[in-house]
């Protein structure tokens, strides 16, 4: 499987939770330079919500 971890050259959001009992993890990198990681369901949920609202596709909505 390809490495799906976002990088400055390949910005994006990656979430992993291999099984219901596993701890969720996430990493995000935006083309604006912001980056974040999270571990645990609540923290991952917050990272996804923040990234979606303020980075990635949100930049196109704010600037378009």
Protein backbone atom coordinates (compact mmCIF):
# COMPACT_ATOMS: atom_id res chain seq x y z
CA UNK A 1 0.00 0.00 0.00
CA UNK A 2 1.20 3.50 -0.78
CA UNK A 3 2.18 5.88 1.99
CA UNK A 4 -0.84 8.13 2.41
CA UNK A 5 0.72 10.47 4.97
CA UNK A 6 0.29 14.09 3.83
CA UNK A 7 3.44 16.12 3.15
CA UNK A 8 4.08 19.71 2.07
CA UNK A 9 4.46 18.37 -1.48
CA UNK A 10 1.25 16.30 -1.16
CA UNK A 11 -1.04 18.18 1.26
CA UNK A 12 -4.16 16.55 2.57
CA UNK A 13 -5.76 14.74 5.46
CA UNK A 14 -5.15 11.11 6.47
CA UNK A 15 -7.15 9.27 9.14
CA UNK A 16 -6.50 5.71 10.26
CA UNK A 17 -8.48 3.41 12.54
CA UNK A 18 -7.68 -0.15 11.46
CA UNK A 19 -10.29 -1.76 13.73
CA UNK A 20 -13.07 -0.65 16.07
CA UNK A 21 -10.86 -1.31 19.09
CA UNK A 22 -7.80 0.45 17.65
CA UNK A 23 -6.85 4.00 18.53
CA UNK A 24 -7.61 6.47 15.74
CA UNK A 25 -4.75 8.57 14.37
CA UNK A 26 -4.71 11.43 11.90
CA UNK A 27 -2.31 13.78 10.19
CA UNK A 28 -2.99 16.83 8.09
CA UNK A 29 -0.88 19.19 6.01
CA UNK A 30 -2.33 22.18 4.18
CA UNK A 31 -0.85 23.92 1.17
CA UNK A 32 -0.73 27.08 3.33
CA UNK A 33 1.92 25.41 5.51
CA UNK A 34 -0.23 24.44 8.51
CA UNK A 35 0.17 20.89 9.80
CA UNK A 36 -1.21 18.82 12.69
CA UNK A 37 -1.39 15.30 14.09
CA UNK A 38 -3.86 13.72 16.50
CA UNK A 39 -4.29 10.47 18.42
CA UNK A 40 -7.56 9.25 19.89
CA UNK A 41 -11.10 9.42 18.56
CA UNK A 42 -12.02 12.81 20.06
CA UNK A 43 -8.76 14.47 19.03
CA UNK A 44 -8.96 13.03 15.51
CA UNK A 45 -12.55 14.23 15.17
CA UNK A 46 -11.47 17.74 16.25
CA UNK A 47 -8.54 17.72 13.79
CA UNK A 48 -10.82 16.70 10.90
CA UNK A 49 -13.40 19.35 11.79
CA UNK A 50 -10.73 22.05 12.11
CA UNK A 51 -8.98 21.07 8.88
CA UNK A 52 -12.26 20.94 6.97
CA UNK A 53 -13.41 24.32 8.31
CA UNK A 54 -10.11 26.22 8.01
CA UNK A 55 -7.73 24.46 5.60
CA UNK A 56 -7.63 22.35 2.46
CA UNK A 57 -10.92 22.83 0.60
CA UNK A 58 -11.90 25.74 2.87
CA UNK A 59 -9.23 27.93 1.26
CA UNK A 60 -10.95 27.58 -2.11
CA UNK A 61 -14.31 28.60 -0.58
CA UNK A 62 -12.80 31.63 1.21
CA UNK A 63 -10.79 32.78 -1.82
CA UNK A 64 -13.22 31.80 -4.55
